[in-house]
Amino acid sequence: MITADEALERLKLGNRQFVDNIQNEETLSKHARPAELVAEQMPFAIILGCSDARVPAEIVFNQGLGDLFVIRVAGNVVAPSQIGSIEFAAAQFGTPLVVVLGHTQCGAVTTTLDELQQPTENQSRNLRSIVDRVRPSVEKLLKSDLAGDRHALIHAAVRANVARSVQRLWHGSDILEQLIGEDQLKIVGAEYAIETGKVTFLDEIVPE
């Protein structure tokens, strides 16, 4: 298995290829021969991404079948089922890298901001469970100077939500904490730009 840094570079390269509209021959061959992956999977990265139909991780990183272990949920929020899925992949396959992938124009984030500003009556409890997980990361932004600038507010909220998910993974699992402490796992945040297709890795996001 490659290292976390090597996995990160592979994702960065794949995204550059995606942005440049370059198809990788190896990726194409994997899509063409799924039967070769029946016996096992060895994903080199785990992606916790949003369910938004515009952000399929395998495509935006230009990877093939079996390369990524992808968990998708609205707002790329962290709940026990997501943590358990990541624990499984990290422990079972030795996958060294986790990327929390948020994206611009995130509906879960904008819905949360709207809900905080103008609460909805009789909102679905299931939808509210997502809003409640996004809320802590964006609530304080409504009291900042960004509150009057909708575009800047959403931009900051998306990144704050990614940061919170990264931190929750760092501190929400004994298994993940142990792997991190043994330098067997790295967790990073990233933002996909719907407008350009580019993924920006948020180096400023660190666990508190």
N, C-alpha and C. Protein backbone atom coordinates (compact mmCIF):
# COMPACT_ATOMS: atom_id res chain seq x y z
N MET A 1 0.84 -1.19 0.00
CA MET A 1 0.00 0.00 0.00
C MET A 1 0.88 1.25 0.00
N ILE A 2 0.49 2.25 -0.75
CA ILE A 2 1.25 3.49 -0.81
C ILE A 2 1.05 4.29 0.48
N THR A 3 1.89 5.32 0.67
CA THR A 3 1.77 6.16 1.87
C THR A 3 0.65 7.18 1.69
N ALA A 4 0.29 7.84 2.78
CA ALA A 4 -0.75 8.87 2.72
C ALA A 4 -0.34 10.01 1.80
N ASP A 5 0.92 10.41 1.88
CA ASP A 5 1.37 11.52 1.02
C ASP A 5 1.36 11.12 -0.45
N GLU A 6 1.72 9.88 -0.73
CA GLU A 6 1.67 9.40 -2.11
C GLU A 6 0.23 9.33 -2.60
N ALA A 7 -0.66 8.89 -1.72
CA ALA A 7 -2.08 8.85 -2.08
C ALA A 7 -2.62 10.24 -2.37
N LEU A 8 -2.21 11.20 -1.56
CA LEU A 8 -2.64 12.58 -1.76
C LEU A 8 -2.15 13.12 -3.10
N GLU A 9 -0.90 12.83 -3.42
CA GLU A 9 -0.36 13.30 -4.71
C GLU A 9 -1.09 12.64 -5.88
N ARG A 10 -1.47 11.39 -5.71
CA ARG A 10 -2.21 10.69 -6.77
C ARG A 10 -3.58 11.32 -7.00
N LEU A 11 -4.22 11.74 -5.91
CA LEU A 11 -5.50 12.42 -6.04
C LEU A 11 -5.34 13.78 -6.70
N LYS A 12 -4.31 14.49 -6.31
CA LYS A 12 -4.07 15.82 -6.90
C LYS A 12 -3.80 15.70 -8.41
N LEU A 13 -2.99 14.71 -8.79
CA LEU A 13 -2.72 14.48 -10.19
C LEU A 13 -4.00 14.12 -10.93
N GLY A 14 -4.79 13.23 -10.36
CA GLY A 14 -6.03 12.82 -10.99
C GLY A 14 -6.98 13.99 -11.20
N ASN A 15 -7.03 14.88 -10.23
CA ASN A 15 -7.92 16.04 -10.39
C ASN A 15 -7.40 16.98 -11.46
N ARG A 16 -6.08 17.14 -11.53
CA ARG A 16 -5.53 17.98 -12.61
C ARG A 16 -5.88 17.39 -13.96
N GLN A 17 -5.81 16.07 -14.08
CA GLN A 17 -6.17 15.41 -15.33
C GLN A 17 -7.65 15.62 -15.64
N PHE A 18 -8.47 15.53 -14.62
CA PHE A 18 -9.91 15.76 -14.80
C PHE A 18 -10.18 17.18 -15.29
N VAL A 19 -9.55 18.14 -14.63
CA VAL A 19 -9.73 19.54 -15.01
C VAL A 19 -9.25 19.78 -16.44
N ASP A 20 -8.15 19.15 -16.79
CA ASP A 20 -7.59 19.30 -18.14
C ASP A 20 -8.28 18.40 -19.16
N ASN A 21 -9.27 17.63 -18.69
CA ASN A 21 -10.02 16.72 -19.55
C ASN A 21 -9.13 15.66 -20.18
N ILE A 22 -8.21 15.13 -19.36
CA ILE A 22 -7.31 14.07 -19.81
C ILE A 22 -7.78 12.76 -19.22
N GLN A 23 -7.95 11.75 -20.04
CA GLN A 23 -8.35 10.44 -19.56
C GLN A 23 -7.11 9.56 -19.40
N ASN A 24 -6.99 9.01 -18.22
CA ASN A 24 -5.85 8.16 -17.90
C ASN A 24 -6.10 6.75 -18.43
N GLU A 25 -5.14 6.21 -19.16
CA GLU A 25 -5.33 4.89 -19.76
C GLU A 25 -5.59 3.81 -18.73
N GLU A 26 -4.88 3.89 -17.60
CA GLU A 26 -5.06 2.89 -16.55
C GLU A 26 -6.48 2.98 -15.99
N THR A 27 -6.99 4.21 -15.81
CA THR A 27 -8.35 4.38 -15.30
C THR A 27 -9.36 3.78 -16.26
N LEU A 28 -9.18 4.05 -17.53
CA LEU A 28 -10.11 3.51 -18.53
C LEU A 28 -10.10 1.99 -18.53
N SER A 29 -8.94 1.39 -18.39
CA SER A 29 -8.86 -0.06 -18.41
C SER A 29 -9.56 -0.67 -17.20
N LYS A 30 -9.50 0.01 -16.06
CA LYS A 30 -10.17 -0.50 -14.86
C LYS A 30 -11.69 -0.46 -15.04
N HIS A 31 -12.16 0.59 -15.66
CA HIS A 31 -13.59 0.67 -15.92
C HIS A 31 -14.03 -0.42 -16.90
N ALA A 32 -13.11 -0.80 -17.78
CA ALA A 32 -13.46 -1.75 -18.83
C ALA A 32 -13.41 -3.19 -18.33
N ARG A 33 -12.69 -3.46 -17.22
CA ARG A 33 -12.51 -4.84 -16.77
C ARG A 33 -12.89 -4.99 -15.30
N PRO A 34 -14.15 -4.75 -14.93
CA PRO A 34 -14.54 -4.85 -13.53
C PRO A 34 -14.38 -6.25 -12.96
N ALA A 35 -14.41 -7.29 -13.80
CA ALA A 35 -14.31 -8.67 -13.30
C ALA A 35 -12.98 -8.90 -12.59
N GLU A 36 -11.95 -8.13 -12.93
CA GLU A 36 -10.64 -8.31 -12.30
C GLU A 36 -10.66 -7.91 -10.82
N LEU A 37 -11.68 -7.17 -10.42
CA LEU A 37 -11.74 -6.67 -9.05
C LEU A 37 -12.68 -7.49 -8.18
N VAL A 38 -13.17 -8.61 -8.69
CA VAL A 38 -14.13 -9.42 -7.94
C VAL A 38 -13.51 -9.97 -6.66
N ALA A 39 -12.27 -10.41 -6.73
CA ALA A 39 -11.64 -11.10 -5.60
C ALA A 39 -11.34 -10.18 -4.44
N GLU A 40 -10.95 -8.94 -4.69
CA GLU A 40 -10.55 -8.04 -3.61
C GLU A 40 -10.60 -6.60 -4.06
N GLN A 41 -10.57 -5.73 -3.07
CA GLN A 41 -10.44 -4.30 -3.34
C GLN A 41 -9.31 -3.77 -2.48
N MET A 42 -8.54 -2.84 -3.02
CA MET A 42 -7.44 -2.23 -2.28
C MET A 42 -7.47 -0.72 -2.51
N PRO A 43 -8.49 -0.03 -2.03
CA PRO A 43 -8.58 1.42 -2.25
C PRO A 43 -7.43 2.16 -1.59
N PHE A 44 -6.85 3.10 -2.31
CA PHE A 44 -5.71 3.83 -1.75
C PHE A 44 -6.14 5.07 -0.98
N ALA A 45 -7.41 5.46 -1.10
CA ALA A 45 -7.92 6.61 -0.35
C ALA A 45 -9.39 6.41 -0.02
N ILE A 46 -9.78 6.98 1.12
CA ILE A 46 -11.18 6.99 1.56
C ILE A 46 -11.70 8.40 1.36
N ILE A 47 -12.83 8.53 0.71
CA ILE A 47 -13.41 9.85 0.47
C ILE A 47 -14.75 9.94 1.19
N LEU A 48 -14.86 10.89 2.12
CA LEU A 48 -16.16 11.21 2.71
C LEU A 48 -16.66 12.46 2.00
N GLY A 49 -17.59 12.27 1.08
CA GLY A 49 -18.05 13.37 0.25
C GLY A 49 -19.54 13.62 0.38
N CYS A 50 -20.00 14.64 -0.30
CA CYS A 50 -21.40 15.01 -0.30
C CYS A 50 -22.16 14.18 -1.34
N SER A 51 -23.45 14.03 -1.12
CA SER A 51 -24.28 13.26 -2.05
C SER A 51 -24.60 14.01 -3.33
N ASP A 52 -24.23 15.27 -3.41
CA ASP A 52 -24.54 16.09 -4.59
C ASP A 52 -24.15 15.36 -5.87
N ALA A 53 -25.09 15.29 -6.81
CA ALA A 53 -24.88 14.52 -8.04
C ALA A 53 -23.77 15.08 -8.91
N ARG A 54 -23.35 16.30 -8.64
CA ARG A 54 -22.31 16.94 -9.45
C ARG A 54 -20.90 16.63 -8.94
N VAL A 55 -20.79 15.85 -7.85
CA VAL A 55 -19.47 15.63 -7.25
C VAL A 55 -19.17 14.14 -7.05
N PRO A 56 -19.13 13.36 -8.13
CA PRO A 56 -18.75 11.94 -8.00
C PRO A 56 -17.23 11.83 -7.83
N ALA A 57 -16.81 11.32 -6.70
CA ALA A 57 -15.39 11.36 -6.35
C ALA A 57 -14.50 10.65 -7.37
N GLU A 58 -14.92 9.47 -7.84
CA GLU A 58 -14.08 8.73 -8.79
C GLU A 58 -13.82 9.54 -10.05
N ILE A 59 -14.80 10.30 -10.47
CA ILE A 59 -14.65 11.08 -11.70
C ILE A 59 -13.81 12.33 -11.48
N VAL A 60 -14.08 13.07 -10.41
CA VAL A 60 -13.35 14.33 -10.20
C VAL A 60 -11.89 14.08 -9.86
N PHE A 61 -11.58 12.86 -9.37
CA PHE A 61 -10.17 12.51 -9.12
C PHE A 61 -9.60 11.62 -10.21
N ASN A 62 -10.39 11.36 -11.25
CA ASN A 62 -9.93 10.57 -12.40
C ASN A 62 -9.39 9.19 -11.98
N GLN A 63 -10.16 8.51 -11.16
CA GLN A 63 -9.76 7.19 -10.68
C GLN A 63 -10.72 6.13 -11.20
N GLY A 64 -10.28 4.88 -11.09
CA GLY A 64 -11.07 3.78 -11.63
C GLY A 64 -11.71 2.93 -10.57
N LEU A 65 -12.35 1.86 -11.01
CA LEU A 65 -12.99 0.93 -10.09
C LEU A 65 -11.96 0.35 -9.11
N GLY A 66 -12.33 0.35 -7.83
CA GLY A 66 -11.46 -0.23 -6.83
C GLY A 66 -10.42 0.70 -6.25
N ASP A 67 -10.32 1.93 -6.77
CA ASP A 67 -9.28 2.85 -6.30
C ASP A 67 -9.68 3.62 -5.05
N LEU A 68 -10.96 3.95 -4.94
CA LEU A 68 -11.42 4.80 -3.84
C LEU A 68 -12.54 4.10 -3.05
N PHE A 69 -12.50 4.29 -1.74
CA PHE A 69 -13.58 3.83 -0.87
C PHE A 69 -14.40 5.07 -0.55
N VAL A 70 -15.58 5.17 -1.15
CA VAL A 70 -16.34 6.42 -1.13
C VAL A 70 -17.58 6.31 -0.25
N ILE A 71 -17.71 7.28 0.65
CA ILE A 71 -18.89 7.40 1.51
C ILE A 71 -19.52 8.75 1.18
N ARG A 72 -20.80 8.74 0.78
CA ARG A 72 -21.45 9.99 0.40
C ARG A 72 -22.69 10.22 1.25
N VAL A 73 -22.78 11.43 1.76
CA VAL A 73 -23.92 11.82 2.59
C VAL A 73 -24.10 13.32 2.42
N ALA A 74 -25.33 13.78 2.42
CA ALA A 74 -25.59 15.21 2.23
C ALA A 74 -24.79 16.04 3.23
N GLY A 75 -24.07 17.02 2.73
CA GLY A 75 -23.28 17.90 3.58
C GLY A 75 -22.00 17.30 4.10
N ASN A 76 -21.59 16.14 3.58
CA ASN A 76 -20.39 15.44 4.06
C ASN A 76 -20.27 15.51 5.58
N VAL A 77 -21.41 15.24 6.25
CA VAL A 77 -21.43 15.29 7.71
C VAL A 77 -20.92 13.98 8.28
N VAL A 78 -20.54 14.03 9.55
CA VAL A 78 -19.99 12.86 10.23
C VAL A 78 -20.99 12.36 11.26
N ALA A 79 -21.43 11.13 11.09
CA ALA A 79 -22.31 10.44 12.02
C ALA A 79 -21.68 9.07 12.30
N PRO A 80 -22.18 8.34 13.30
CA PRO A 80 -21.56 7.04 13.63
C PRO A 80 -21.41 6.09 12.44
N SER A 81 -22.39 6.06 11.55
CA SER A 81 -22.29 5.14 10.41
C SER A 81 -21.14 5.53 9.48
N GLN A 82 -20.90 6.83 9.32
CA GLN A 82 -19.77 7.25 8.50
C GLN A 82 -18.44 6.91 9.17
N ILE A 83 -18.37 7.16 10.47
CA ILE A 83 -17.14 6.82 11.20
C ILE A 83 -16.86 5.32 11.11
N GLY A 84 -17.90 4.52 11.31
CA GLY A 84 -17.73 3.07 11.23
C GLY A 84 -17.26 2.62 9.86
N SER A 85 -17.79 3.23 8.82
CA SER A 85 -17.37 2.88 7.46
C SER A 85 -15.90 3.20 7.24
N ILE A 86 -15.46 4.34 7.77
CA ILE A 86 -14.06 4.73 7.62
C ILE A 86 -13.16 3.82 8.44
N GLU A 87 -13.60 3.50 9.66
CA GLU A 87 -12.83 2.55 10.47
C GLU A 87 -12.66 1.23 9.74
N PHE A 88 -13.73 0.76 9.11
CA PHE A 88 -13.68 -0.52 8.40
C PHE A 88 -12.63 -0.48 7.29
N ALA A 89 -12.69 0.57 6.46
CA ALA A 89 -11.76 0.64 5.33
C ALA A 89 -10.32 0.80 5.79
N ALA A 90 -10.12 1.65 6.79
CA ALA A 90 -8.75 1.90 7.26
C ALA A 90 -8.15 0.64 7.89
N ALA A 91 -8.97 -0.09 8.66
CA ALA A 91 -8.46 -1.29 9.33
C ALA A 91 -8.41 -2.49 8.40
N GLN A 92 -9.41 -2.65 7.55
CA GLN A 92 -9.51 -3.83 6.70
C GLN A 92 -8.53 -3.79 5.53
N PHE A 93 -8.40 -2.62 4.93
CA PHE A 93 -7.59 -2.52 3.71
C PHE A 93 -6.26 -1.80 3.93
N GLY A 94 -6.08 -1.20 5.10
CA GLY A 94 -4.86 -0.43 5.34
C GLY A 94 -4.81 0.85 4.54
N THR A 95 -5.96 1.36 4.15
CA THR A 95 -6.02 2.60 3.36
C THR A 95 -5.46 3.75 4.20
N PRO A 96 -4.46 4.48 3.68
CA PRO A 96 -3.73 5.43 4.53
C PRO A 96 -4.26 6.85 4.55
N LEU A 97 -5.26 7.17 3.70
CA LEU A 97 -5.68 8.56 3.57
C LEU A 97 -7.19 8.68 3.59
N VAL A 98 -7.68 9.66 4.36
CA VAL A 98 -9.09 10.02 4.35
C VAL A 98 -9.20 11.47 3.89
N VAL A 99 -10.07 11.72 2.92
CA VAL A 99 -10.33 13.09 2.46
C VAL A 99 -11.80 13.41 2.71
N VAL A 100 -12.04 14.47 3.47
CA VAL A 100 -13.39 15.00 3.62
C VAL A 100 -13.58 16.01 2.48
N LEU A 101 -14.45 15.68 1.55
CA LEU A 101 -14.59 16.48 0.33
C LEU A 101 -15.91 17.26 0.35
N GLY A 102 -15.80 18.55 0.66
CA GLY A 102 -16.94 19.44 0.53
C GLY A 102 -16.95 20.05 -0.86
N HIS A 103 -17.93 20.92 -1.11
CA HIS A 103 -17.97 21.54 -2.44
C HIS A 103 -18.72 22.87 -2.39
N THR A 104 -18.41 23.72 -3.33
CA THR A 104 -19.09 25.01 -3.42
C THR A 104 -20.57 24.78 -3.71
N GLN A 105 -21.38 25.76 -3.33
CA GLN A 105 -22.83 25.70 -3.57
C GLN A 105 -23.48 24.48 -2.89
N CYS A 106 -22.99 24.10 -1.75
CA CYS A 106 -23.51 22.90 -1.07
C CYS A 106 -24.92 23.17 -0.53
N GLY A 107 -25.86 22.37 -0.97
CA GLY A 107 -27.25 22.55 -0.57
C GLY A 107 -27.48 22.33 0.91
N ALA A 108 -26.78 21.37 1.51
CA ALA A 108 -26.94 21.12 2.94
C ALA A 108 -26.47 22.31 3.76
N VAL A 109 -25.41 22.95 3.31
CA VAL A 109 -24.89 24.11 4.03
C VAL A 109 -25.83 25.30 3.87
N THR A 110 -26.26 25.57 2.64
CA THR A 110 -27.15 26.71 2.43
C THR A 110 -28.50 26.49 3.12
N THR A 111 -28.98 25.25 3.13
CA THR A 111 -30.22 24.94 3.83
C THR A 111 -30.08 25.21 5.33
N THR A 112 -28.93 24.86 5.87
CA THR A 112 -28.68 25.11 7.29
C THR A 112 -28.65 26.60 7.59
N LEU A 113 -27.96 27.36 6.75
CA LEU A 113 -27.91 28.81 6.94
C LEU A 113 -29.32 29.41 6.88
N ASP A 114 -30.10 28.96 5.90
CA ASP A 114 -31.46 29.46 5.75
C ASP A 114 -32.31 29.09 6.97
N GLU A 115 -32.12 27.88 7.45
CA GLU A 115 -32.90 27.41 8.60
C GLU A 115 -32.57 28.20 9.86
N LEU A 116 -31.30 28.56 10.01
CA LEU A 116 -30.90 29.34 11.17
C LEU A 116 -31.45 30.76 11.11
N GLN A 117 -31.56 31.28 9.89
CA GLN A 117 -32.06 32.64 9.73
C GLN A 117 -33.58 32.71 9.73
N GLN A 118 -34.21 31.70 9.12
CA GLN A 118 -35.67 31.65 9.07
C GLN A 118 -36.13 30.20 9.28
N PRO A 119 -36.29 29.82 10.54
CA PRO A 119 -36.65 28.43 10.85
C PRO A 119 -37.92 27.97 10.16
N THR A 120 -37.89 26.70 9.72
CA THR A 120 -39.04 26.10 9.04
C THR A 120 -39.86 25.28 10.03
N GLU A 121 -41.16 25.45 9.96
CA GLU A 121 -42.03 24.67 10.82
C GLU A 121 -42.23 23.26 10.24
N ASN A 122 -42.33 22.30 11.12
CA ASN A 122 -42.62 20.92 10.73
C ASN A 122 -41.61 20.35 9.73
N GLN A 123 -40.35 20.71 9.90
CA GLN A 123 -39.32 20.16 9.03
C GLN A 123 -39.13 18.67 9.33
N SER A 124 -38.87 17.89 8.29
CA SER A 124 -38.62 16.47 8.47
C SER A 124 -37.51 16.25 9.50
N ARG A 125 -37.75 15.33 10.44
CA ARG A 125 -36.75 15.09 11.47
C ARG A 125 -35.47 14.51 10.88
N ASN A 126 -35.60 13.81 9.75
CA ASN A 126 -34.41 13.25 9.11
C ASN A 126 -33.57 14.35 8.46
N LEU A 127 -34.24 15.29 7.81
CA LEU A 127 -33.52 16.43 7.25
C LEU A 127 -32.93 17.27 8.36
N ARG A 128 -33.68 17.42 9.44
CA ARG A 128 -33.18 18.22 10.57
C ARG A 128 -31.92 17.59 11.17
N SER A 129 -31.81 16.27 11.11
CA SER A 129 -30.62 15.62 11.66
C SER A 129 -29.37 16.04 10.91
N ILE A 130 -29.51 16.30 9.60
CA ILE A 130 -28.38 16.79 8.81
C ILE A 130 -28.09 18.24 9.15
N VAL A 131 -29.16 19.04 9.21
CA VAL A 131 -29.01 20.46 9.56
C VAL A 131 -28.34 20.60 10.93
N ASP A 132 -28.73 19.76 11.88
CA ASP A 132 -28.17 19.85 13.22
C ASP A 132 -26.68 19.51 13.25
N ARG A 133 -26.24 18.66 12.32
CA ARG A 133 -24.82 18.32 12.27
C ARG A 133 -23.99 19.40 11.57
N VAL A 134 -24.63 20.14 10.67
CA VAL A 134 -23.92 21.24 10.01
C VAL A 134 -23.93 22.49 10.88
N ARG A 135 -24.98 22.66 11.66
CA ARG A 135 -25.21 23.88 12.44
C ARG A 135 -24.00 24.39 13.23
N PRO A 136 -23.33 23.54 14.03
CA PRO A 136 -22.24 24.06 14.87
C PRO A 136 -21.10 24.70 14.08
N SER A 137 -20.90 24.27 12.86
CA SER A 137 -19.78 24.80 12.07
C SER A 137 -20.10 26.13 11.41
N VAL A 138 -21.39 26.45 11.26
CA VAL A 138 -21.75 27.67 10.52
C VAL A 138 -22.44 28.71 11.38
N GLU A 139 -22.91 28.32 12.56
CA GLU A 139 -23.71 29.22 13.39
C GLU A 139 -22.98 30.51 13.72
N LYS A 140 -21.72 30.38 14.09
CA LYS A 140 -20.98 31.58 14.51
C LYS A 140 -20.71 32.53 13.34
N LEU A 141 -20.74 32.00 12.11
CA LEU A 141 -20.49 32.86 10.95
C LEU A 141 -21.61 33.87 10.76
N LEU A 142 -22.81 33.52 11.21
CA LEU A 142 -23.94 34.44 11.08
C LEU A 142 -23.81 35.65 12.00
N LYS A 143 -22.88 35.57 12.95
CA LYS A 143 -22.63 36.68 13.86
C LYS A 143 -21.36 37.44 13.49
N SER A 144 -20.76 37.05 12.35
CA SER A 144 -19.51 37.68 11.91
C SER A 144 -19.78 38.73 10.85
N ASP A 145 -18.71 39.35 10.37
CA ASP A 145 -18.82 40.37 9.33
C ASP A 145 -19.30 39.78 8.00
N LEU A 146 -19.23 38.45 7.87
CA LEU A 146 -19.64 37.80 6.63
C LEU A 146 -21.16 37.72 6.47
N ALA A 147 -21.87 37.94 7.55
CA ALA A 147 -23.32 37.73 7.54
C ALA A 147 -24.03 38.56 6.47
N GLY A 148 -23.48 39.70 6.14
CA GLY A 148 -24.13 40.57 5.15
C GLY A 148 -23.77 40.28 3.71
N ASP A 149 -22.86 39.33 3.50
CA ASP A 149 -22.40 38.99 2.15
C ASP A 149 -22.73 37.51 1.90
N ARG A 150 -23.82 37.25 1.21
CA ARG A 150 -24.31 35.89 1.03
C ARG A 150 -23.26 34.98 0.40
N HIS A 151 -22.60 35.46 -0.65
CA HIS A 151 -21.60 34.63 -1.34
C HIS A 151 -20.44 34.29 -0.42
N ALA A 152 -19.92 35.28 0.27
CA ALA A 152 -18.79 35.06 1.18
C ALA A 152 -19.20 34.18 2.35
N LEU A 153 -20.43 34.36 2.81
CA LEU A 153 -20.93 33.56 3.93
C LEU A 153 -20.99 32.08 3.56
N ILE A 154 -21.54 31.77 2.41
CA ILE A 154 -21.64 30.37 1.97
C ILE A 154 -20.26 29.78 1.75
N HIS A 155 -19.37 30.55 1.14
CA HIS A 155 -18.00 30.08 0.89
C HIS A 155 -17.32 29.70 2.20
N ALA A 156 -17.42 30.59 3.19
CA ALA A 156 -16.79 30.32 4.49
C ALA A 156 -17.48 29.16 5.19
N ALA A 157 -18.81 29.07 5.05
CA ALA A 157 -19.56 28.02 5.73
C ALA A 157 -19.20 26.64 5.20
N VAL A 158 -19.03 26.53 3.89
CA VAL A 158 -18.65 25.24 3.28
C VAL A 158 -17.32 24.77 3.87
N ARG A 159 -16.36 25.67 3.94
CA ARG A 159 -15.04 25.29 4.46
C ARG A 159 -15.08 25.01 5.95
N ALA A 160 -15.88 25.78 6.68
CA ALA A 160 -16.01 25.53 8.12
C ALA A 160 -16.65 24.16 8.37
N ASN A 161 -17.59 23.78 7.52
CA ASN A 161 -18.24 22.49 7.66
C ASN A 161 -17.26 21.35 7.37
N VAL A 162 -16.42 21.53 6.38
CA VAL A 162 -15.38 20.53 6.10
C VAL A 162 -14.44 20.41 7.31
N ALA A 163 -14.04 21.56 7.85
CA ALA A 163 -13.13 21.57 8.99
C ALA A 163 -13.71 20.81 10.17
N ARG A 164 -14.99 21.03 10.43
CA ARG A 164 -15.64 20.34 11.55
C ARG A 164 -15.67 18.83 11.32
N SER A 165 -15.95 18.42 10.10
CA SER A 165 -15.98 16.98 9.81
C SER A 165 -14.61 16.36 9.99
N VAL A 166 -13.57 17.07 9.56
CA VAL A 166 -12.20 16.58 9.76
C VAL A 166 -11.93 16.41 11.25
N GLN A 167 -12.29 17.42 12.03
CA GLN A 167 -12.03 17.37 13.47
C GLN A 167 -12.83 16.27 14.14
N ARG A 168 -14.05 16.04 13.70
CA ARG A 168 -14.88 14.99 14.30
C ARG A 168 -14.30 13.61 14.00
N LEU A 169 -13.70 13.45 12.84
CA LEU A 169 -13.05 12.17 12.53
C LEU A 169 -11.79 11.99 13.36
N TRP A 170 -11.06 13.06 13.55
CA TRP A 170 -9.85 12.99 14.38
C TRP A 170 -10.19 12.54 15.80
N HIS A 171 -11.30 13.07 16.32
CA HIS A 171 -11.59 12.87 17.74
C HIS A 171 -12.78 11.96 18.01
N GLY A 172 -13.37 11.38 16.99
CA GLY A 172 -14.59 10.60 17.19
C GLY A 172 -14.40 9.10 17.16
N SER A 173 -13.15 8.65 17.11
CA SER A 173 -12.90 7.21 16.99
C SER A 173 -11.57 6.84 17.60
N ASP A 174 -11.59 5.91 18.55
CA ASP A 174 -10.34 5.42 19.13
C ASP A 174 -9.48 4.72 18.07
N ILE A 175 -10.15 4.01 17.16
CA ILE A 175 -9.43 3.28 16.11
C ILE A 175 -8.69 4.26 15.20
N LEU A 176 -9.39 5.30 14.76
CA LEU A 176 -8.75 6.27 13.87
C LEU A 176 -7.66 7.05 14.59
N GLU A 177 -7.90 7.40 15.84
CA GLU A 177 -6.88 8.13 16.60
C GLU A 177 -5.61 7.29 16.74
N GLN A 178 -5.79 5.99 16.98
CA GLN A 178 -4.62 5.11 17.11
C GLN A 178 -3.85 5.03 15.79
N LEU A 179 -4.57 4.87 14.68
CA LEU A 179 -3.91 4.79 13.38
C LEU A 179 -3.18 6.09 13.06
N ILE A 180 -3.80 7.21 13.40
CA ILE A 180 -3.15 8.51 13.18
C ILE A 180 -1.90 8.61 14.04
N GLY A 181 -2.01 8.21 15.30
CA GLY A 181 -0.86 8.28 16.21
C GLY A 181 0.29 7.40 15.77
N GLU A 182 -0.02 6.33 15.05
CA GLU A 182 1.01 5.42 14.56
C GLU A 182 1.46 5.77 13.14
N ASP A 183 1.04 6.94 12.66
CA ASP A 183 1.38 7.42 11.31
C ASP A 183 0.92 6.46 10.21
N GLN A 184 -0.18 5.77 10.47
CA GLN A 184 -0.73 4.87 9.46
C GLN A 184 -1.94 5.49 8.74
N LEU A 185 -2.36 6.66 9.20
CA LEU A 185 -3.53 7.29 8.62
C LEU A 185 -3.41 8.80 8.68
N LYS A 186 -3.86 9.44 7.61
CA LYS A 186 -3.88 10.90 7.54
C LYS A 186 -5.28 11.34 7.11
N ILE A 187 -5.81 12.39 7.76
CA ILE A 187 -7.13 12.91 7.42
C ILE A 187 -7.00 14.36 7.00
N VAL A 188 -7.50 14.68 5.82
CA VAL A 188 -7.39 16.05 5.30
C VAL A 188 -8.74 16.51 4.78
N GLY A 189 -8.89 17.82 4.67
CA GLY A 189 -10.10 18.41 4.12
C GLY A 189 -9.85 18.96 2.73
N ALA A 190 -10.90 19.02 1.93
CA ALA A 190 -10.77 19.53 0.57
C ALA A 190 -12.10 20.13 0.13
N GLU A 191 -12.01 21.01 -0.87
CA GLU A 191 -13.21 21.63 -1.42
C GLU A 191 -13.20 21.50 -2.95
N TYR A 192 -14.28 20.96 -3.48
CA TYR A 192 -14.44 20.85 -4.93
C TYR A 192 -15.21 22.05 -5.43
N ALA A 193 -14.71 22.69 -6.47
CA ALA A 193 -15.37 23.85 -7.06
C ALA A 193 -16.29 23.40 -8.18
N ILE A 194 -17.58 23.50 -7.95
CA ILE A 194 -18.56 23.14 -8.97
C ILE A 194 -18.30 23.92 -10.26
N GLU A 195 -17.83 25.16 -10.10
CA GLU A 195 -17.67 26.06 -11.24
C GLU A 195 -16.52 25.68 -12.17
N THR A 196 -15.47 25.07 -11.60
CA THR A 196 -14.26 24.81 -12.39
C THR A 196 -13.85 23.34 -12.44
N GLY A 197 -14.33 22.54 -11.50
CA GLY A 197 -13.91 21.15 -11.41
C GLY A 197 -12.65 20.95 -10.59
N LYS A 198 -12.09 22.04 -10.07
CA LYS A 198 -10.83 21.94 -9.33
C LYS A 198 -11.07 21.60 -7.87
N VAL A 199 -10.23 20.72 -7.32
CA VAL A 199 -10.25 20.40 -5.90
C VAL A 199 -9.11 21.16 -5.22
N THR A 200 -9.46 21.89 -4.18
CA THR A 200 -8.47 22.59 -3.36
C THR A 200 -8.35 21.87 -2.03
N PHE A 201 -7.15 21.44 -1.69
CA PHE A 201 -6.92 20.80 -0.40
C PHE A 201 -6.65 21.87 0.64
N LEU A 202 -7.39 21.83 1.71
CA LEU A 202 -7.39 22.91 2.69
C LEU A 202 -6.34 22.67 3.78
N ASP A 203 -5.12 23.06 3.48
CA ASP A 203 -4.02 22.81 4.39
C ASP A 203 -4.20 23.53 5.72
N GLU A 204 -5.00 24.57 5.73
CA GLU A 204 -5.19 25.32 6.97
C GLU A 204 -6.13 24.59 7.95
N ILE A 205 -6.79 23.54 7.48
CA ILE A 205 -7.68 22.79 8.37
C ILE A 205 -6.87 21.78 9.15
N VAL A 206 -6.77 22.01 10.46
CA VAL A 206 -6.03 21.09 11.32
C VAL A 206 -6.89 20.76 12.53
N PRO A 207 -6.67 19.62 13.12
CA PRO A 207 -7.45 19.26 14.30
C PRO A 207 -7.14 20.17 15.47
N GLU A 208 -8.14 20.48 16.27
CA GLU A 208 -7.93 21.33 17.45
C GLU A 208 -7.71 20.47 18.69
